[in-house]
Protein backbone atom coordinates (compact mmCIF):
# COMPACT_ATOMS: atom_id res chain seq x y z
CA MET A 1 94.65 200.62 331.25
CA LYS A 2 94.48 201.25 327.50
CA LYS A 3 93.21 197.70 326.89
CA THR A 4 90.52 198.22 329.52
CA LEU A 5 89.34 201.45 327.88
CA VAL A 6 89.25 199.76 324.47
CA ALA A 7 87.19 196.88 325.89
CA LEU A 8 84.75 199.29 327.55
CA ALA A 9 84.42 201.25 324.33
CA ALA A 10 83.65 198.02 322.42
CA VAL A 11 80.98 197.07 324.95
CA ALA A 12 79.44 200.55 324.75
CA ALA A 13 79.41 200.43 320.95
CA THR A 14 77.79 197.00 320.97
CA SER A 15 75.16 198.13 323.48
CA ALA A 16 74.38 201.18 321.37
CA ALA A 17 74.00 199.06 318.24
CA PHE A 18 71.44 196.86 319.94
CA ALA A 19 69.76 199.57 322.03
CA GLN A 20 66.56 199.46 319.95
CA VAL A 21 66.28 195.68 319.82
CA THR A 22 63.50 194.22 321.98
CA VAL A 23 63.36 190.65 323.25
CA PHE A 24 59.77 189.50 323.73
CA GLY A 25 57.82 186.32 324.21
CA ILE A 26 55.11 184.27 325.85
CA VAL A 27 55.20 181.12 327.97
CA ASP A 28 51.83 179.40 327.66
CA GLN A 29 51.43 176.04 329.38
CA ALA A 30 48.44 174.06 330.59
CA LEU A 31 47.23 170.64 331.60
CA VAL A 32 44.80 169.57 328.87
CA ARG A 33 42.34 166.68 328.95
CA THR A 34 40.50 165.64 325.79
CA LYS A 35 37.96 162.91 325.07
CA THR A 36 36.53 162.02 321.66
CA GLY A 37 33.48 159.78 321.39
CA THR A 38 33.88 156.51 323.28
CA ALA A 39 37.68 156.58 323.15
CA ALA A 40 39.68 156.90 326.35
CA SER A 41 40.55 160.37 327.58
CA VAL A 42 43.94 161.80 326.66
CA THR A 43 45.90 164.05 329.04
CA SER A 44 48.69 166.27 327.76
CA VAL A 45 50.65 169.41 328.54
CA GLY A 46 50.85 172.26 326.07
CA GLY A 47 49.72 175.73 325.07
CA MET A 48 46.07 176.62 325.61
CA LEU A 49 45.66 180.23 324.52
CA THR A 50 48.33 181.70 322.23
CA GLY A 51 51.02 179.07 322.40
CA SER A 52 54.56 179.92 323.53
CA GLU A 53 56.64 182.47 321.61
CA LEU A 54 60.16 183.91 321.56
CA GLY A 55 61.19 186.78 319.36
CA PHE A 56 63.47 189.72 318.65
CA LYS A 57 62.32 192.94 317.03
CA GLY A 58 63.71 196.39 316.40
CA SER A 59 63.51 199.52 314.32
CA GLU A 60 65.73 202.26 312.95
CA ASP A 61 64.75 205.83 312.16
CA LEU A 62 66.07 206.55 308.67
CA GLY A 63 64.98 210.19 308.70
CA ASN A 64 62.39 212.12 306.70
CA GLY A 65 59.61 210.07 308.30
CA LEU A 66 61.03 206.76 307.02
CA LYS A 67 61.59 203.85 309.39
CA ALA A 68 63.11 200.38 308.93
CA ASP A 69 62.03 197.50 311.15
CA PHE A 70 62.58 193.79 311.55
CA GLN A 71 61.29 190.84 313.54
CA VAL A 72 62.65 187.31 314.03
CA HIS A 73 60.12 185.13 315.82
CA PHE A 74 60.01 181.48 316.94
CA SER A 75 57.51 179.09 318.49
CA PRO A 76 59.45 177.03 321.07
CA SER A 77 58.18 173.66 322.28
CA ILE A 78 58.24 174.32 326.02
CA ASP A 79 56.85 170.93 327.08
CA ASN A 80 59.19 168.71 325.00
CA THR A 81 62.58 168.65 323.28
CA ALA A 82 61.35 169.40 319.77
CA ALA A 83 63.21 172.16 317.93
CA PRO A 84 61.55 175.59 317.71
CA THR A 85 59.52 176.23 314.58
CA GLY A 86 59.58 179.37 312.49
CA TYR A 87 56.99 182.00 313.28
CA GLN A 88 56.73 185.60 312.08
CA SER A 89 60.08 186.75 310.67
CA HIS A 90 60.23 189.73 308.35
CA VAL A 91 61.89 193.02 307.44
CA GLY A 92 60.09 196.16 306.34
CA LEU A 93 59.86 199.89 305.72
CA SER A 94 57.17 202.33 306.85
CA GLY A 95 56.46 205.99 306.36
CA GLY A 96 53.98 208.37 304.81
CA PHE A 97 53.36 205.88 302.01
CA GLY A 98 52.16 203.22 304.47
CA GLY A 99 54.01 200.05 305.36
CA LEU A 100 55.78 197.33 303.38
CA ARG A 101 57.17 194.10 304.78
CA ILE A 102 58.70 190.96 303.29
CA GLY A 103 59.13 187.52 304.86
CA GLN A 104 56.88 185.17 306.82
CA PHE A 105 53.95 186.45 308.89
CA PHE A 106 50.31 185.88 309.79
CA SER A 107 47.99 186.50 306.85
CA PRO A 108 45.41 189.34 306.93
CA SER A 109 42.64 186.68 306.85
CA PHE A 110 44.05 185.08 309.98
CA PHE A 111 44.10 188.44 311.76
CA ASN A 112 40.47 188.99 310.79
CA ASN A 113 39.46 185.62 312.19
CA VAL A 114 41.44 185.85 315.41
CA THR A 115 40.16 189.40 316.06
CA TYR A 116 36.49 188.42 315.95
CA ASP A 117 36.70 184.89 317.31
CA GLY A 118 35.55 185.48 320.89
CA ILE A 119 38.25 183.26 322.36
CA GLY A 120 40.99 184.14 319.91
CA MET A 121 41.19 180.79 318.10
CA ALA A 122 42.99 179.34 321.12
CA PRO A 123 44.79 175.99 320.67
CA VAL A 124 42.27 174.29 322.97
CA ASN A 125 39.44 176.07 321.20
CA SER A 126 36.41 173.82 320.64
CA SER A 127 34.97 176.28 318.13
CA VAL A 128 34.32 175.11 314.55
CA ALA A 129 33.88 178.61 313.14
CA TYR A 130 37.30 178.83 311.53
CA VAL A 131 36.70 177.45 308.04
CA ASN A 132 38.46 180.30 306.23
CA GLY A 133 41.26 178.96 304.03
CA GLY A 134 43.57 181.89 304.69
CA GLY A 135 45.56 179.83 307.16
CA LYS A 136 47.89 181.20 309.79
CA LEU A 137 51.40 181.79 308.53
CA ALA A 138 52.16 182.93 305.01
CA SER A 139 55.69 182.24 303.75
CA ASN A 140 57.53 183.91 300.86
CA ALA A 141 55.17 186.84 301.32
CA ILE A 142 55.08 190.57 300.73
CA GLU A 143 52.45 192.79 302.34
CA TYR A 144 51.51 196.42 301.80
CA THR A 145 49.45 198.39 304.32
CA LEU A 146 47.87 201.67 303.25
CA PRO A 147 48.48 204.77 305.36
CA ALA A 148 45.67 205.90 307.64
CA ILE A 149 43.73 207.97 305.09
CA VAL A 150 40.61 207.84 307.28
CA SER A 151 40.88 207.57 311.07
CA GLY A 152 40.15 204.00 312.17
CA LEU A 153 40.31 202.54 308.64
CA GLY A 154 42.91 199.90 307.81
CA VAL A 155 43.60 198.25 304.45
CA SER A 156 46.26 195.60 303.81
CA TYR A 157 47.09 193.46 300.77
CA MET A 158 49.37 190.42 300.79
CA ASN A 159 50.81 188.22 298.04
CA ALA A 160 52.57 184.99 299.01
CA GLN A 161 54.45 182.85 296.49
CA GLY A 162 54.25 179.06 296.55
CA ASP A 163 57.83 178.67 295.27
CA THR A 164 56.67 175.70 293.19
CA ALA A 165 55.56 174.99 289.63
CA ASN A 166 52.14 176.58 288.95
CA ASN A 167 52.62 178.57 292.18
CA ILE A 168 50.95 175.83 294.24
CA GLY A 169 50.52 177.10 297.77
CA GLY A 170 50.61 180.72 296.67
CA MET A 171 48.01 183.13 298.03
CA THR A 172 46.61 186.62 297.53
CA ASN A 173 44.87 188.22 300.50
CA LEU A 174 43.02 191.49 301.13
CA ARG A 175 41.65 192.80 304.42
CA VAL A 176 39.66 195.94 305.21
CA ASN A 177 38.86 196.83 308.83
CA TYR A 178 37.34 199.81 310.58
CA ALA A 179 37.24 200.66 314.28
CA VAL A 180 35.69 203.65 316.01
CA GLY A 181 35.08 203.83 319.73
CA ALA A 182 33.58 200.58 321.01
CA PHE A 183 32.68 199.34 317.51
CA SER A 184 34.86 197.32 315.15
CA VAL A 185 34.21 195.52 311.86
CA GLY A 186 36.48 193.66 309.46
CA TYR A 187 36.28 191.83 306.14
CA ALA A 188 38.91 189.64 304.50
CA THR A 189 39.09 187.66 301.26
CA ASP A 190 41.82 185.41 299.95
CA THR A 191 42.51 183.00 297.10
CA THR A 192 44.93 180.11 297.57
CA ASN A 193 46.34 177.95 294.76
CA THR A 194 45.75 174.56 296.36
CA SER A 195 46.77 172.62 293.22
CA ALA A 196 47.56 173.16 289.55
CA THR A 197 43.84 173.15 288.72
CA VAL A 198 42.15 174.15 291.98
CA ASP A 199 41.97 177.55 293.65
CA THR A 200 40.27 177.92 297.02
CA LYS A 201 38.55 181.21 297.68
CA SER A 202 37.68 182.18 301.25
CA THR A 203 36.06 185.14 302.95
CA SER A 204 35.40 186.18 306.53
CA LEU A 205 33.31 188.94 308.07
CA GLY A 206 33.49 189.87 311.71
CA ALA A 207 32.24 192.58 314.06
CA SER A 208 32.33 193.44 317.74
CA TYR A 209 30.91 196.01 320.14
CA ASP A 210 32.00 196.68 323.71
CA PHE A 211 29.07 197.78 325.86
CA GLY A 212 31.29 198.09 328.93
CA LEU A 213 29.33 195.58 330.99
CA ALA A 214 29.87 193.02 328.21
CA LYS A 215 31.52 192.71 324.80
CA VAL A 216 29.79 190.86 321.98
CA SER A 217 31.44 189.58 318.81
CA MET A 218 30.44 187.62 315.74
CA LEU A 219 32.31 185.90 312.94
CA GLN A 220 31.14 184.40 309.66
CA ALA A 221 33.50 182.58 307.30
CA ASP A 222 33.29 180.48 304.18
CA SER A 223 35.63 178.56 301.90
CA LYS A 224 35.04 177.17 298.40
CA PRO A 225 37.47 175.27 296.12
CA THR A 226 37.15 175.34 292.34
CA GLY A 227 34.34 172.98 291.34
CA GLY A 228 33.67 172.06 294.96
CA SER A 229 31.04 172.87 297.54
CA THR A 230 31.12 175.77 299.98
CA THR A 231 31.97 175.23 303.63
CA LYS A 232 30.49 177.79 306.00
CA GLY A 233 30.88 178.54 309.66
CA SER A 234 29.72 181.15 312.15
CA ALA A 235 30.32 182.02 315.79
CA PHE A 236 28.82 184.34 318.38
CA ALA A 237 30.49 185.25 321.68
CA VAL A 238 29.79 187.27 324.80
CA SER A 239 32.57 188.29 327.18
CA VAL A 240 31.79 189.70 330.64
CA PRO A 241 34.45 191.27 332.91
CA PHE A 242 34.38 190.87 336.69
CA GLY A 243 37.29 192.98 337.87
CA ALA A 244 40.48 191.05 337.13
CA THR A 245 38.45 188.09 335.84
CA SER A 246 36.67 187.77 332.50
CA VAL A 247 34.29 185.02 331.36
CA THR A 248 33.67 184.38 327.66
CA LEU A 249 31.01 182.08 326.23
CA GLN A 250 31.05 181.23 322.53
CA THR A 251 28.75 179.08 320.40
CA SER A 252 29.43 178.12 316.80
CA THR A 253 28.08 176.10 313.90
CA ALA A 254 29.53 174.90 310.59
CA THR A 255 28.62 172.97 307.47
CA GLY A 256 28.13 169.26 308.14
CA ASP A 257 25.92 169.68 311.19
CA LYS A 258 28.89 170.72 313.32
CA LYS A 259 28.20 172.56 316.55
CA GLY A 260 30.42 173.84 319.32
CA THR A 261 30.22 175.52 322.71
CA HIS A 262 33.20 176.91 324.53
CA VAL A 263 33.90 178.75 327.80
CA LEU A 264 37.08 180.65 328.62
CA VAL A 265 37.77 182.04 332.11
CA LYS A 266 40.78 184.35 332.39
CA HIS A 267 42.04 185.78 335.68
CA ASP A 268 44.78 188.41 335.53
CA LEU A 269 47.31 187.87 338.29
CA SER A 270 49.26 190.88 336.99
CA LYS A 271 49.67 192.85 333.77
CA ARG A 272 51.78 190.03 332.32
CA THR A 273 50.52 186.86 334.03
CA ALA A 274 47.12 185.18 333.91
CA ALA A 275 45.52 181.94 335.07
CA LEU A 276 43.26 180.33 332.47
CA LEU A 277 40.48 177.76 332.49
CA GLN A 278 38.89 176.46 329.30
CA ALA A 279 36.11 173.96 328.73
CA GLY A 280 34.17 173.09 325.62
CA ASN A 281 32.71 170.53 323.28
CA THR A 282 32.16 170.07 319.57
CA LYS A 283 29.88 167.67 317.74
CA ALA A 284 30.70 166.47 314.22
CA SER A 285 29.23 163.46 312.42
CA SER A 286 27.48 162.44 315.67
CA VAL A 287 30.85 162.27 317.45
CA THR A 288 31.34 164.60 320.39
CA THR A 289 34.73 165.84 321.53
CA THR A 290 35.07 167.45 324.95
CA SER A 291 38.09 169.30 326.27
CA THR A 292 39.13 170.99 329.50
CA ALA A 293 42.34 172.81 330.27
CA PHE A 294 43.89 174.74 333.14
CA GLY A 295 47.14 176.63 332.93
CA LEU A 296 49.23 179.78 333.22
CA TRP A 297 50.05 182.41 330.60
CA HIS A 298 52.99 184.79 331.01
CA SER A 299 54.32 187.44 328.64
CA PHE A 300 57.65 189.24 328.76
């Protein structure tokens, strides 16, 4: 009897210790068909919107308005046997001073791009608007977010170390965004040490407005290495809801006579599950790439 009570107490203590830990994730899979120029079509299975995710996150109230939080996040390869890759994993503190986190996470520039790209920079995205050099994941990074001094205003600054001689791969990144009602606007700038003698500076500006019957969004981005030429891109999107279904059309252009058109149809089967259809094409150097995809997206 005593052993049983001890075992139950251990289970209760363990459950309490992990009570604030959340398991979350996404399973994103689709049948994708792509054709480039005169080459034969290629059919594959993979993510089409966000990609699949698996993560653990939690927080602890330290008192006096101070909170500690963590996140360990992976990108599993659902359609093959490849090992999961690292995603956002970080630890941080937040309070009246704002927020501070250290680890690996999406850069502020990436968030600015994905917020104002009409189709969220989906993996099957035919858009060519994303020319910003901020990249997706920033490793060896520390980020500070200012407290909400003005309602709707957000400011974040990130510094990522390259962990190499001359800090190659290191990046500094600043984003300012403002949202009020149906209107939102954001600006981001970053500088990446691409080599010992070359820094690449990138900026992006985006805005959106939800009219109710339709939401419009625009994104402009540019990237310029030291001594090199500037690459520019822009995109414009309109998203129209029809009950549980939404249809988004996006057009984009970029330096080098690149053009793209993309359509995303999303039908919500529930709050956590959606059926998706994507179709689009891009033209670069007189070569056209077309893609279509149909799949399911489920979050938990």
